[in-house]
Amino acid sequence: MEIHQLLAEAIRTRRHVIARYHDEERVFSPHALGTKRGVAHILVYQFAGGSRSGLPPGGDWRCLKVEDLRDVQLQPGAWHTAPNVFNPQSCLDEVELVAEPLPPHPPASHRPEQAGLPDG
């Protein structure tokens, strides 16, 4: 099965993924699959593994280029997410598949862009 199909299956079945991305092992729950400027991307909640930019305790949202993923494996286990889910369109221009239901958005007063706090 090709990587794109594995990721779609992980979204449909809510399985987490172990993969290599930019020479780091990443463990994540994929939430949305599609394209950004014509290039396949996936919105994930990474909860373990490495990252060049660091990973906060508990995990964080990441937008990954599908073509840069290697050694993709689906794993059983708890689905990881967070209430501060990004709008999939912040990662994807065209959304092919989304995990349903996405976690609820926090109240507007708690969103950085609407509370006067800088993004990211």
PDB file of N, CA and C in Angstrom:
ATOM      1  N   MET A   1       0.846  -1.172   0.000  1.00  0.00           N
ATOM      2  CA  MET A   1       0.000   0.000   0.000  1.00  0.00           C
ATOM      3  C   MET A   1       0.896   1.243   0.000  1.00  0.00           C
ATOM      4  N   GLU A   2       0.584   2.213  -0.840  1.00  0.00           N
ATOM      5  CA  GLU A   2       1.399   3.428  -0.906  1.00  0.00           C
ATOM      6  C   GLU A   2       1.136   4.322   0.303  1.00  0.00           C
ATOM      7  N   ILE A   3       2.036   5.261   0.547  1.00  0.00           N
ATOM      8  CA  ILE A   3       1.983   6.116   1.730  1.00  0.00           C
ATOM      9  C   ILE A   3       0.666   6.877   1.813  1.00  0.00           C
ATOM     10  N   HIS A   4       0.229   7.464   0.708  1.00  0.00           N
ATOM     11  CA  HIS A   4      -1.024   8.219   0.695  1.00  0.00           C
ATOM     12  C   HIS A   4      -2.186   7.337   1.161  1.00  0.00           C
ATOM     13  N   GLN A   5      -2.249   6.111   0.673  1.00  0.00           N
ATOM     14  CA  GLN A   5      -3.318   5.183   1.057  1.00  0.00           C
ATOM     15  C   GLN A   5      -3.214   4.803   2.539  1.00  0.00           C
ATOM     16  N   LEU A   6      -2.000   4.585   3.026  1.00  0.00           N
ATOM     17  CA  LEU A   6      -1.812   4.275   4.449  1.00  0.00           C
ATOM     18  C   LEU A   6      -2.305   5.414   5.333  1.00  0.00           C
ATOM     19  N   LEU A   7      -1.978   6.646   4.948  1.00  0.00           N
ATOM     20  CA  LEU A   7      -2.405   7.796   5.737  1.00  0.00           C
ATOM     21  C   LEU A   7      -3.922   7.947   5.721  1.00  0.00           C
ATOM     22  N   ALA A   8      -4.530   7.730   4.570  1.00  0.00           N
ATOM     23  CA  ALA A   8      -5.994   7.793   4.479  1.00  0.00           C
ATOM     24  C   ALA A   8      -6.631   6.718   5.355  1.00  0.00           C
ATOM     25  N   GLU A   9      -6.066   5.537   5.352  1.00  0.00           N
ATOM     26  CA  GLU A   9      -6.577   4.456   6.198  1.00  0.00           C
ATOM     27  C   GLU A   9      -6.424   4.805   7.677  1.00  0.00           C
ATOM     28  N   ALA A  10      -5.321   5.416   8.046  1.00  0.00           N
ATOM     29  CA  ALA A  10      -5.110   5.819   9.436  1.00  0.00           C
ATOM     30  C   ALA A  10      -6.153   6.850   9.872  1.00  0.00           C
ATOM     31  N   ILE A  11      -6.503   7.777   8.989  1.00  0.00           N
ATOM     32  CA  ILE A  11      -7.532   8.768   9.311  1.00  0.00           C
ATOM     33  C   ILE A  11      -8.881   8.082   9.474  1.00  0.00           C
ATOM     34  N   ARG A  12      -9.228   7.227   8.520  1.00  0.00           N
ATOM     35  CA  ARG A  12     -10.544   6.549   8.570  1.00  0.00           C
ATOM     36  C   ARG A  12     -10.701   5.664   9.799  1.00  0.00           C
ATOM     37  N   THR A  13      -9.624   5.014  10.210  1.00  0.00           N
ATOM     38  CA  THR A  13      -9.700   4.058  11.324  1.00  0.00           C
ATOM     39  C   THR A  13      -9.178   4.628  12.638  1.00  0.00           C
ATOM     40  N   ARG A  14      -8.768   5.898  12.633  1.00  0.00           N
ATOM     41  CA  ARG A  14      -8.229   6.580  13.824  1.00  0.00           C
ATOM     42  C   ARG A  14      -7.099   5.783  14.471  1.00  0.00           C
ATOM     43  N   ARG A  15      -6.129   5.427  13.636  1.00  0.00           N
ATOM     44  CA  ARG A  15      -4.924   4.766  14.134  1.00  0.00           C
ATOM     45  C   ARG A  15      -3.786   5.752  14.083  1.00  0.00           C
ATOM     46  N   HIS A  16      -2.857   5.620  15.027  1.00  0.00           N
ATOM     47  CA  HIS A  16      -1.723   6.523  14.953  1.00  0.00           C
ATOM     48  C   HIS A  16      -0.659   5.948  14.028  1.00  0.00           C
ATOM     49  N   VAL A  17       0.266   6.816  13.665  1.00  0.00           N
ATOM     50  CA  VAL A  17       1.273   6.507  12.654  1.00  0.00           C
ATOM     51  C   VAL A  17       2.663   6.731  13.245  1.00  0.00           C
ATOM     52  N   ILE A  18       3.566   5.831  12.913  1.00  0.00           N
ATOM     53  CA  ILE A  18       4.988   6.026  13.178  1.00  0.00           C
ATOM     54  C   ILE A  18       5.647   6.159  11.814  1.00  0.00           C
ATOM     55  N   ALA A  19       6.432   7.224  11.627  1.00  0.00           N
ATOM     56  CA  ALA A  19       7.085   7.462  10.339  1.00  0.00           C
ATOM     57  C   ALA A  19       8.343   8.293  10.554  1.00  0.00           C
ATOM     58  N   ARG A  20       9.194   8.319   9.545  1.00  0.00           N
ATOM     59  CA  ARG A  20      10.370   9.195   9.552  1.00  0.00           C
ATOM     60  C   ARG A  20      10.033  10.409   8.697  1.00  0.00           C
ATOM     61  N   TYR A  21      10.403  11.579   9.216  1.00  0.00           N
ATOM     62  CA  TYR A  21      10.176  12.836   8.505  1.00  0.00           C
ATOM     63  C   TYR A  21      11.378  13.728   8.788  1.00  0.00           C
ATOM     64  N   HIS A  22      12.080  14.110   7.742  1.00  0.00           N
ATOM     65  CA  HIS A  22      13.306  14.918   7.885  1.00  0.00           C
ATOM     66  C   HIS A  22      14.264  14.298   8.906  1.00  0.00           C
ATOM     67  N   ASP A  23      14.501  13.011   8.743  1.00  0.00           N
ATOM     68  CA  ASP A  23      15.454  12.250   9.563  1.00  0.00           C
ATOM     69  C   ASP A  23      15.074  12.140  11.042  1.00  0.00           C
ATOM     70  N   GLU A  24      13.821  12.372  11.380  1.00  0.00           N
ATOM     71  CA  GLU A  24      13.343  12.232  12.756  1.00  0.00           C
ATOM     72  C   GLU A  24      12.201  11.221  12.765  1.00  0.00           C
ATOM     73  N   GLU A  25      12.200  10.329  13.749  1.00  0.00           N
ATOM     74  CA  GLU A  25      11.035   9.466  13.914  1.00  0.00           C
ATOM     75  C   GLU A  25       9.925  10.294  14.555  1.00  0.00           C
ATOM     76  N   ARG A  26       8.743  10.226  13.970  1.00  0.00           N
ATOM     77  CA  ARG A  26       7.597  10.969  14.477  1.00  0.00           C
ATOM     78  C   ARG A  26       6.463   9.986  14.757  1.00  0.00           C
ATOM     79  N   VAL A  27       5.725  10.249  15.819  1.00  0.00           N
ATOM     80  CA  VAL A  27       4.553   9.446  16.162  1.00  0.00           C
ATOM     81  C   VAL A  27       3.392  10.422  16.233  1.00  0.00           C
ATOM     82  N   PHE A  28       2.356  10.167  15.413  1.00  0.00           N
ATOM     83  CA  PHE A  28       1.277  11.144  15.308  1.00  0.00           C
ATOM     84  C   PHE A  28      -0.058  10.498  14.954  1.00  0.00           C
ATOM     85  N   SER A  29      -1.108  11.269  15.222  1.00  0.00           N
ATOM     86  CA  SER A  29      -2.464  10.914  14.804  1.00  0.00           C
ATOM     87  C   SER A  29      -2.819  11.846  13.642  1.00  0.00           C
ATOM     88  N   PRO A  30      -3.038  11.289  12.452  1.00  0.00           N
ATOM     89  CA  PRO A  30      -3.373  12.132  11.299  1.00  0.00           C
ATOM     90  C   PRO A  30      -4.836  12.584  11.354  1.00  0.00           C
ATOM     91  N   HIS A  31      -5.086  13.849  11.023  1.00  0.00           N
ATOM     92  CA  HIS A  31      -6.435  14.411  11.106  1.00  0.00           C
ATOM     93  C   HIS A  31      -7.018  14.833   9.767  1.00  0.00           C
ATOM     94  N   ALA A  32      -6.191  15.292   8.825  1.00  0.00           N
ATOM     95  CA  ALA A  32      -6.715  15.737   7.528  1.00  0.00           C
ATOM     96  C   ALA A  32      -5.648  15.537   6.463  1.00  0.00           C
ATOM     97  N   LEU A  33      -6.102  15.121   5.286  1.00  0.00           N
ATOM     98  CA  LEU A  33      -5.215  14.834   4.161  1.00  0.00           C
ATOM     99  C   LEU A  33      -5.699  15.626   2.959  1.00  0.00           C
ATOM    100  N   GLY A  34      -4.772  16.223   2.225  1.00  0.00           N
ATOM    101  CA  GLY A  34      -5.139  16.983   1.033  1.00  0.00           C
ATOM    102  C   GLY A  34      -3.906  17.572   0.384  1.00  0.00           C
ATOM    103  N   THR A  35      -4.065  18.745  -0.227  1.00  0.00           N
ATOM    104  CA  THR A  35      -2.944  19.386  -0.909  1.00  0.00           C
ATOM    105  C   THR A  35      -2.834  20.855  -0.498  1.00  0.00           C
ATOM    106  N   LYS A  36      -1.619  21.358  -0.575  1.00  0.00           N
ATOM    107  CA  LYS A  36      -1.313  22.776  -0.378  1.00  0.00           C
ATOM    108  C   LYS A  36      -0.502  23.204  -1.593  1.00  0.00           C
ATOM    109  N   ARG A  37      -1.027  24.135  -2.361  1.00  0.00           N
ATOM    110  CA  ARG A  37      -0.383  24.573  -3.606  1.00  0.00           C
ATOM    111  C   ARG A  37      -0.038  23.384  -4.509  1.00  0.00           C
ATOM    112  N   GLY A  38      -0.950  22.413  -4.571  1.00  0.00           N
ATOM    113  CA  GLY A  38      -0.794  21.266  -5.453  1.00  0.00           C
ATOM    114  C   GLY A  38       0.089  20.150  -4.925  1.00  0.00           C
ATOM    115  N   VAL A  39       0.641  20.303  -3.720  1.00  0.00           N
ATOM    116  CA  VAL A  39       1.526  19.296  -3.129  1.00  0.00           C
ATOM    117  C   VAL A  39       0.795  18.627  -1.970  1.00  0.00           C
ATOM    118  N   ALA A  40       0.824  17.281  -1.926  1.00  0.00           N
ATOM    119  CA  ALA A  40       0.133  16.541  -0.876  1.00  0.00           C
ATOM    120  C   ALA A  40       0.714  16.858   0.501  1.00  0.00           C
ATOM    121  N   HIS A  41      -0.178  17.196   1.444  1.00  0.00           N
ATOM    122  CA  HIS A  41       0.179  17.481   2.832  1.00  0.00           C
ATOM    123  C   HIS A  41      -0.794  16.753   3.752  1.00  0.00           C
ATOM    124  N   ILE A  42      -0.392  16.602   5.010  1.00  0.00           N
ATOM    125  CA  ILE A  42      -1.254  15.998   6.008  1.00  0.00           C
ATOM    126  C   ILE A  42      -1.156  16.794   7.303  1.00  0.00           C
ATOM    127  N   LEU A  43      -2.313  17.074   7.900  1.00  0.00           N
ATOM    128  CA  LEU A  43      -2.382  17.738   9.194  1.00  0.00           C
ATOM    129  C   LEU A  43      -2.416  16.653  10.260  1.00  0.00           C
ATOM    130  N   VAL A  44      -1.445  16.691  11.173  1.00  0.00           N
ATOM    131  CA  VAL A  44      -1.319  15.647  12.196  1.00  0.00           C
ATOM    132  C   VAL A  44      -1.195  16.273  13.574  1.00  0.00           C
ATOM    133  N   TYR A  45      -1.520  15.474  14.581  1.00  0.00           N
ATOM    134  CA  TYR A  45      -1.202  15.845  15.953  1.00  0.00           C
ATOM    135  C   TYR A  45      -0.062  14.931  16.377  1.00  0.00           C
ATOM    136  N   GLN A  46       1.154  15.496  16.443  1.00  0.00           N
ATOM    137  CA  GLN A  46       2.333  14.715  16.823  1.00  0.00           C
ATOM    138  C   GLN A  46       2.439  14.701  18.339  1.00  0.00           C
ATOM    139  N   PHE A  47       2.490  13.488  18.911  1.00  0.00           N
ATOM    140  CA  PHE A  47       2.524  13.376  20.370  1.00  0.00           C
ATOM    141  C   PHE A  47       3.780  12.697  20.894  1.00  0.00           C
ATOM    142  N   ALA A  48       4.637  12.204  20.018  1.00  0.00           N
ATOM    143  CA  ALA A  48       5.892  11.575  20.453  1.00  0.00           C
ATOM    144  C   ALA A  48       6.880  11.624  19.300  1.00  0.00           C
ATOM    145  N   GLY A  49       8.123  11.299  19.609  1.00  0.00           N
ATOM    146  CA  GLY A  49       9.168  11.295  18.596  1.00  0.00           C
ATOM    147  C   GLY A  49       9.890  12.623  18.564  1.00  0.00           C
ATOM    148  N   GLY A  50      10.659  12.810  17.505  1.00  0.00           N
ATOM    149  CA  GLY A  50      11.501  13.987  17.398  1.00  0.00           C
ATOM    150  C   GLY A  50      10.956  15.020  16.443  1.00  0.00           C
ATOM    151  N   SER A  51      11.580  16.189  16.476  1.00  0.00           N
ATOM    152  CA  SER A  51      11.239  17.285  15.583  1.00  0.00           C
ATOM    153  C   SER A  51      12.384  18.285  15.636  1.00  0.00           C
ATOM    154  N   ARG A  52      12.774  18.803  14.483  1.00  0.00           N
ATOM    155  CA  ARG A  52      13.847  19.796  14.460  1.00  0.00           C
ATOM    156  C   ARG A  52      13.480  21.036  15.266  1.00  0.00           C
ATOM    157  N   SER A  53      12.195  21.376  15.303  1.00  0.00           N
ATOM    158  CA  SER A  53      11.768  22.562  16.040  1.00  0.00           C
ATOM    159  C   SER A  53      11.402  22.256  17.485  1.00  0.00           C
ATOM    160  N   GLY A  54      11.533  20.997  17.890  1.00  0.00           N
ATOM    161  CA  GLY A  54      11.175  20.602  19.248  1.00  0.00           C
ATOM    162  C   GLY A  54       9.696  20.248  19.344  1.00  0.00           C
ATOM    163  N   LEU A  55       9.361  19.471  20.336  1.00  0.00           N
ATOM    164  CA  LEU A  55       7.982  19.047  20.551  1.00  0.00           C
ATOM    165  C   LEU A  55       7.617  19.354  21.995  1.00  0.00           C
ATOM    166  N   PRO A  56       6.606  20.198  22.210  1.00  0.00           N
ATOM    167  CA  PRO A  56       6.231  20.508  23.590  1.00  0.00           C
ATOM    168  C   PRO A  56       5.660  19.280  24.301  1.00  0.00           C
ATOM    169  N   PRO A  57       5.697  19.243  25.624  1.00  0.00           N
ATOM    170  CA  PRO A  57       5.110  18.125  26.363  1.00  0.00           C
ATOM    171  C   PRO A  57       3.648  17.939  25.956  1.00  0.00           C
ATOM    172  N   GLY A  58       3.274  16.714  25.692  1.00  0.00           N
ATOM    173  CA  GLY A  58       1.901  16.422  25.283  1.00  0.00           C
ATOM    174  C   GLY A  58       1.680  16.457  23.789  1.00  0.00           C
ATOM    175  N   GLY A  59       2.534  17.157  23.040  1.00  0.00           N
ATOM    176  CA  GLY A  59       2.423  17.165  21.591  1.00  0.00           C
ATOM    177  C   GLY A  59       2.028  18.503  21.007  1.00  0.00           C
ATOM    178  N   ASP A  60       1.890  18.512  19.664  1.00  0.00           N
ATOM    179  CA  ASP A  60       1.539  19.741  18.954  1.00  0.00           C
ATOM    180  C   ASP A  60       1.076  19.393  17.548  1.00  0.00           C
ATOM    181  N   TRP A  61       0.394  20.345  16.923  1.00  0.00           N
ATOM    182  CA  TRP A  61      -0.064  20.203  15.539  1.00  0.00           C
ATOM    183  C   TRP A  61       1.099  20.401  14.583  1.00  0.00           C
ATOM    184  N   ARG A  62       1.111  19.594  13.516  1.00  0.00           N
ATOM    185  CA  ARG A  62       2.128  19.701  12.477  1.00  0.00           C
ATOM    186  C   ARG A  62       1.461  19.549  11.106  1.00  0.00           C
ATOM    187  N   CYS A  63       1.993  20.247  10.133  1.00  0.00           N
ATOM    188  CA  CYS A  63       1.565  20.115   8.741  1.00  0.00           C
ATOM    189  C   CYS A  63       2.767  19.528   7.989  1.00  0.00           C
ATOM    190  N   LEU A  64       2.637  18.298   7.518  1.00  0.00           N
ATOM    191  CA  LEU A  64       3.762  17.576   6.925  1.00  0.00           C
ATOM    192  C   LEU A  64       3.543  17.335   5.437  1.00  0.00           C
ATOM    193  N   LYS A  65       4.626  17.457   4.654  1.00  0.00           N
ATOM    194  CA  LYS A  65       4.562  17.093   3.235  1.00  0.00           C
ATOM    195  C   LYS A  65       4.587  15.572   3.132  1.00  0.00           C
ATOM    196  N   VAL A  66       3.593  15.016   2.478  1.00  0.00           N
ATOM    197  CA  VAL A  66       3.477  13.564   2.358  1.00  0.00           C
ATOM    198  C   VAL A  66       4.704  12.969   1.674  1.00  0.00           C
ATOM    199  N   GLU A  67       5.234  13.632   0.655  1.00  0.00           N
ATOM    200  CA  GLU A  67       6.379  13.083  -0.082  1.00  0.00           C
ATOM    201  C   GLU A  67       7.644  12.972   0.770  1.00  0.00           C
ATOM    202  N   ASP A  68       7.701  13.672   1.899  1.00  0.00           N
ATOM    203  CA  ASP A  68       8.870  13.611   2.772  1.00  0.00           C
ATOM    204  C   ASP A  68       8.744  12.558   3.878  1.00  0.00           C
ATOM    205  N   LEU A  69       7.607  11.872   3.947  1.00  0.00           N
ATOM    206  CA  LEU A  69       7.419  10.806   4.940  1.00  0.00           C
ATOM    207  C   LEU A  69       8.044   9.515   4.437  1.00  0.00           C
ATOM    208  N   ARG A  70       8.687   8.770   5.333  1.00  0.00           N
ATOM    209  CA  ARG A  70       9.331   7.499   5.016  1.00  0.00           C
ATOM    210  C   ARG A  70       8.950   6.471   6.080  1.00  0.00           C
ATOM    211  N   ASP A  71       9.035   5.204   5.732  1.00  0.00           N
ATOM    212  CA  ASP A  71       8.838   4.100   6.675  1.00  0.00           C
ATOM    213  C   ASP A  71       7.536   4.251   7.468  1.00  0.00           C
ATOM    214  N   VAL A  72       6.449   4.551   6.768  1.00  0.00           N
ATOM    215  CA  VAL A  72       5.152   4.790   7.401  1.00  0.00           C
ATOM    216  C   VAL A  72       4.548   3.476   7.878  1.00  0.00           C
ATOM    217  N   GLN A  73       4.174   3.449   9.170  1.00  0.00           N
ATOM    218  CA  GLN A  73       3.543   2.273   9.768  1.00  0.00           C
ATOM    219  C   GLN A  73       2.322   2.708  10.560  1.00  0.00           C
ATOM    220  N   LEU A  74       1.202   2.028  10.375  1.00  0.00           N
ATOM    221  CA  LEU A  74       0.014   2.269  11.176  1.00  0.00           C
ATOM    222  C   LEU A  74       0.103   1.440  12.433  1.00  0.00           C
ATOM    223  N   GLN A  75      -0.311   2.038  13.553  1.00  0.00           N
ATOM    224  CA  GLN A  75      -0.221   1.369  14.846  1.00  0.00           C
ATOM    225  C   GLN A  75      -1.546   1.480  15.593  1.00  0.00           C
ATOM    226  N   PRO A  76      -1.913   0.434  16.322  1.00  0.00           N
ATOM    227  CA  PRO A  76      -3.084   0.579  17.197  1.00  0.00           C
ATOM    228  C   PRO A  76      -2.698   1.442  18.393  1.00  0.00           C
ATOM    229  N   GLY A  77      -3.660   2.014  19.026  1.00  0.00           N
ATOM    230  CA  GLY A  77      -3.377   2.824  20.204  1.00  0.00           C
ATOM    231  C   GLY A  77      -4.328   3.988  20.293  1.00  0.00           C
ATOM    232  N   ALA A  78      -4.186   4.739  21.351  1.00  0.00           N
ATOM    233  CA  ALA A  78      -5.073   5.869  21.603  1.00  0.00           C
ATOM    234  C   ALA A  78      -4.914   6.935  20.521  1.00  0.00           C
ATOM    235  N   TRP A  79      -6.038   7.511  20.122  1.00  0.00           N
ATOM    236  CA  TRP A  79      -6.061   8.618  19.171  1.00  0.00           C
ATOM    237  C   TRP A  79      -5.715   9.891  19.938  1.00  0.00           C
ATOM    238  N   HIS A  80      -4.782  10.666  19.418  1.00  0.00           N
ATOM    239  CA  HIS A  80      -4.355  11.895  20.088  1.00  0.00           C
ATOM    240  C   HIS A  80      -4.836  13.108  19.307  1.00  0.00           C
ATOM    241  N   THR A  81      -5.300  14.099  20.037  1.00  0.00           N
ATOM    242  CA  THR A  81      -5.778  15.339  19.436  1.00  0.00           C
ATOM    243  C   THR A  81      -5.700  16.430  20.497  1.00  0.00           C
ATOM    244  N   ALA A  82      -6.148  17.615  20.161  1.00  0.00           N
ATOM    245  CA  ALA A  82      -6.166  18.722  21.116  1.00  0.00           C
ATOM    246  C   ALA A  82      -7.328  19.640  20.764  1.00  0.00           C
ATOM    247  N   PRO A  83      -7.869  20.348  21.751  1.00  0.00           N
ATOM    248  CA  PRO A  83      -9.003  21.224  21.480  1.00  0.00           C
ATOM    249  C   PRO A  83      -8.648  22.444  20.638  1.00  0.00           C
ATOM    250  N   ASN A  84      -7.377  22.745  20.513  1.00  0.00           N
ATOM    251  CA  ASN A  84      -6.967  23.908  19.722  1.00  0.00           C
ATOM    252  C   ASN A  84      -6.688  23.527  18.276  1.00  0.00           C
ATOM    253  N   VAL A  85      -7.500  22.623  17.730  1.00  0.00           N
ATOM    254  CA  VAL A  85      -7.264  22.133  16.369  1.00  0.00           C
ATOM    255  C   VAL A  85      -7.168  23.290  15.383  1.00  0.00           C
ATOM    256  N   PHE A  86      -6.184  23.185  14.500  1.00  0.00           N
ATOM    257  CA  PHE A  86      -6.084  24.146  13.419  1.00  0.00           C
ATOM    258  C   PHE A  86      -7.235  23.908  12.463  1.00  0.00           C
ATOM    259  N   ASN A  87      -7.678  24.951  11.826  1.00  0.00           N
ATOM    260  CA  ASN A  87      -8.593  24.780  10.720  1.00  0.00           C
ATOM    261  C   ASN A  87      -7.795  24.031   9.652  1.00  0.00           C
ATOM    262  N   PRO A  88      -8.316  22.917   9.134  1.00  0.00           N
ATOM    263  CA  PRO A  88      -7.532  22.184   8.128  1.00  0.00           C
ATOM    264  C   PRO A  88      -7.058  23.056   6.969  1.00  0.00           C
ATOM    265  N   GLN A  89      -7.798  24.120   6.639  1.00  0.00           N
ATOM    266  CA  GLN A  89      -7.378  24.987   5.538  1.00  0.00           C
ATOM    267  C   GLN A  89      -6.111  25.766   5.856  1.00  0.00           C
ATOM    268  N   SER A  90      -5.684  25.831   7.130  1.00  0.00           N
ATOM    269  CA  SER A  90      -4.416  26.480   7.427  1.00  0.00           C
ATOM    270  C   SER A  90      -3.245  25.629   6.955  1.00  0.00           C
ATOM    271  N   CYS A  91      -3.496  24.347   6.754  1.00  0.00           N
ATOM    272  CA  CYS A  91      -2.478  23.414   6.280  1.00  0.00           C
ATOM    273  C   CYS A  91      -2.745  23.000   4.838  1.00  0.00           C
ATOM    274  N   LEU A  92      -4.009  22.993   4.457  1.00  0.00           N
ATOM    275  CA  LEU A  92      -4.419  22.427   3.171  1.00  0.00           C
ATOM    276  C   LEU A  92      -5.290  23.404   2.380  1.00  0.00           C
ATOM    277  N   ASP A  93      -4.975  23.583   1.093  1.00  0.00           N
ATOM    278  CA  ASP A  93      -5.851  24.354   0.204  1.00  0.00           C
ATOM    279  C   ASP A  93      -7.054  23.510  -0.199  1.00  0.00           C
ATOM    280  N   GLU A  94      -6.790  22.249  -0.478  1.00  0.00           N
ATOM    281  CA  GLU A  94      -7.831  21.300  -0.882  1.00  0.00           C
ATOM    282  C   GLU A  94      -7.828  20.154   0.117  1.00  0.00           C
ATOM    283  N   VAL A  95      -8.961  19.899   0.742  1.00  0.00           N
ATOM    284  CA  VAL A  95      -9.083  18.839   1.732  1.00  0.00           C
ATOM    285  C   VAL A  95      -9.724  17.621   1.083  1.00  0.00           C
ATOM    286  N   GLU A  96      -9.012  16.508   1.137  1.00  0.00           N
ATOM    287  CA  GLU A  96      -9.501  15.252   0.573  1.00  0.00           C
ATOM    288  C   GLU A  96     -10.242  14.421   1.612  1.00  0.00           C
ATOM    289  N   LEU A  97      -9.683  14.363   2.824  1.00  0.00           N
ATOM    290  CA  LEU A  97     -10.226  13.502   3.866  1.00  0.00           C
ATOM    291  C   LEU A  97      -9.960  14.131   5.223  1.00  0.00           C
ATOM    292  N   VAL A  98     -10.981  14.135   6.095  1.00  0.00           N
ATOM    293  CA  VAL A  98     -10.860  14.716   7.431  1.00  0.00           C
ATOM    294  C   VAL A  98     -11.378  13.710   8.443  1.00  0.00           C
ATOM    295  N   ALA A  99     -10.665  13.576   9.562  1.00  0.00           N
ATOM    296  CA  ALA A  99     -11.142  12.739  10.665  1.00  0.00           C
ATOM    297  C   ALA A  99     -12.400  13.381  11.223  1.00  0.00           C
ATOM    298  N   GLU A 100     -13.406  12.604  11.394  1.00  0.00           N
ATOM    299  CA  GLU A 100     -14.667  13.122  11.944  1.00  0.00           C
ATOM    300  C   GLU A 100     -14.937  12.469  13.275  1.00  0.00           C
ATOM    301  N   PRO A 101     -15.431  13.210  14.235  1.00  0.00           N
ATOM    302  CA  PRO A 101     -15.484  14.669  14.185  1.00  0.00           C
ATOM    303  C   PRO A 101     -14.155  15.252  14.634  1.00  0.00           C
ATOM    304  N   LEU A 102     -13.824  16.420  14.107  1.00  0.00           N
ATOM    305  CA  LEU A 102     -12.663  17.147  14.594  1.00  0.00           C
ATOM    306  C   LEU A 102     -12.988  17.643  15.999  1.00  0.00           C
ATOM    307  N   PRO A 103     -11.985  17.829  16.852  1.00  0.00           N
ATOM    308  CA  PRO A 103     -12.265  18.364  18.188  1.00  0.00           C
ATOM    309  C   PRO A 103     -12.874  19.757  18.070  1.00  0.00           C
ATOM    310  N   PRO A 104     -13.665  20.158  19.064  1.00  0.00           N
ATOM    311  CA  PRO A 104     -14.276  21.492  18.999  1.00  0.00           C
ATOM    312  C   PRO A 104     -13.225  22.583  19.101  1.00  0.00           C
ATOM    313  N   HIS A 105     -13.516  23.717  18.453  1.00  0.00           N
ATOM    314  CA  HIS A 105     -12.629  24.881  18.561  1.00  0.00           C
ATOM    315  C   HIS A 105     -12.793  25.495  19.938  1.00  0.00           C
ATOM    316  N   PRO A 106     -11.726  26.044  20.508  1.00  0.00           N
ATOM    317  CA  PRO A 106     -11.864  26.754  21.793  1.00  0.00           C
ATOM    318  C   PRO A 106     -12.689  28.017  21.585  1.00  0.00           C
ATOM    319  N   PRO A 107     -13.258  28.576  22.647  1.00  0.00           N
ATOM    320  CA  PRO A 107     -13.999  29.828  22.515  1.00  0.00           C
ATOM    321  C   PRO A 107     -13.113  30.901  21.887  1.00  0.00           C
ATOM    322  N   ALA A 108     -13.731  31.826  21.175  1.00  0.00           N
ATOM    323  CA  ALA A 108     -12.989  32.870  20.460  1.00  0.00           C
ATOM    324  C   ALA A 108     -12.024  33.613  21.371  1.00  0.00           C
ATOM    325  N   SER A 109     -12.384  33.818  22.622  1.00  0.00           N
ATOM    326  CA  SER A 109     -11.501  34.547  23.529  1.00  0.00           C
ATOM    327  C   SER A 109     -10.228  33.789  23.855  1.00  0.00           C
ATOM    328  N   HIS A 110     -10.206  32.485  23.561  1.00  0.00           N
ATOM    329  CA  HIS A 110      -9.018  31.684  23.825  1.00  0.00           C
ATOM    330  C   HIS A 110      -8.172  31.424  22.583  1.00  0.00           C
ATOM    331  N   ARG A 111      -8.619  31.873  21.431  1.00  0.00           N
ATOM    332  CA  ARG A 111      -7.848  31.698  20.207  1.00  0.00           C
ATOM    333  C   ARG A 111      -6.821  32.824  20.123  1.00  0.00           C
ATOM    334  N   PRO A 112      -5.539  32.488  19.913  1.00  0.00           N
ATOM    335  CA  PRO A 112      -4.497  33.526  19.883  1.00  0.00           C
ATOM    336  C   PRO A 112      -4.791  34.652  18.909  1.00  0.00           C
ATOM    337  N   GLU A 113      -5.290  34.306  17.703  1.00  0.00           N
ATOM    338  CA  GLU A 113      -5.482  35.343  16.688  1.00  0.00           C
ATOM    339  C   GLU A 113      -6.633  36.264  17.046  1.00  0.00           C
ATOM    340  N   GLN A 114      -7.539  35.812  17.933  1.00  0.00           N
ATOM    341  CA  GLN A 114      -8.677  36.653  18.284  1.00  0.00           C
ATOM    342  C   GLN A 114      -8.533  37.231  19.688  1.00  0.00           C
ATOM    343  N   ALA A 115      -7.542  36.788  20.420  1.00  0.00           N
ATOM    344  CA  ALA A 115      -7.343  37.300  21.779  1.00  0.00           C
ATOM    345  C   ALA A 115      -6.218  38.327  21.822  1.00  0.00           C
ATOM    346  N   GLY A 116      -5.730  38.753  20.657  1.00  0.00           N
ATOM    347  CA  GLY A 116      -4.678  39.748  20.613  1.00  0.00           C
ATOM    348  C   GLY A 116      -3.284  39.191  20.847  1.00  0.00           C
ATOM    349  N   LEU A 117      -3.146  37.873  20.874  1.00  0.00           N
ATOM    350  CA  LEU A 117      -1.842  37.249  21.061  1.00  0.00           C
ATOM    351  C   LEU A 117      -1.248  36.894  19.715  1.00  0.00           C
ATOM    352  N   PRO A 118       0.061  36.861  19.589  1.00  0.00           N
ATOM    353  CA  PRO A 118       0.667  36.496  18.303  1.00  0.00           C
ATOM    354  C   PRO A 118       0.426  35.030  17.993  1.00  0.00           C
ATOM    355  N   ASP A 119       0.324  34.713  16.709  1.00  0.00           N
ATOM    356  CA  ASP A 119       0.193  33.322  16.274  1.00  0.00           C
ATOM    357  C   ASP A 119       1.514  32.602  16.464  1.00  0.00           C
ATOM    358  N   GLY A 120       1.402  31.268  16.757  1.00  0.00           N
ATOM    359  CA  GLY A 120       2.489  30.326  16.795  1.00  0.00           C
ATOM    360  C   GLY A 120       3.721  30.755  17.412  1.00  0.00           C
TER     361      GLY A 120
END
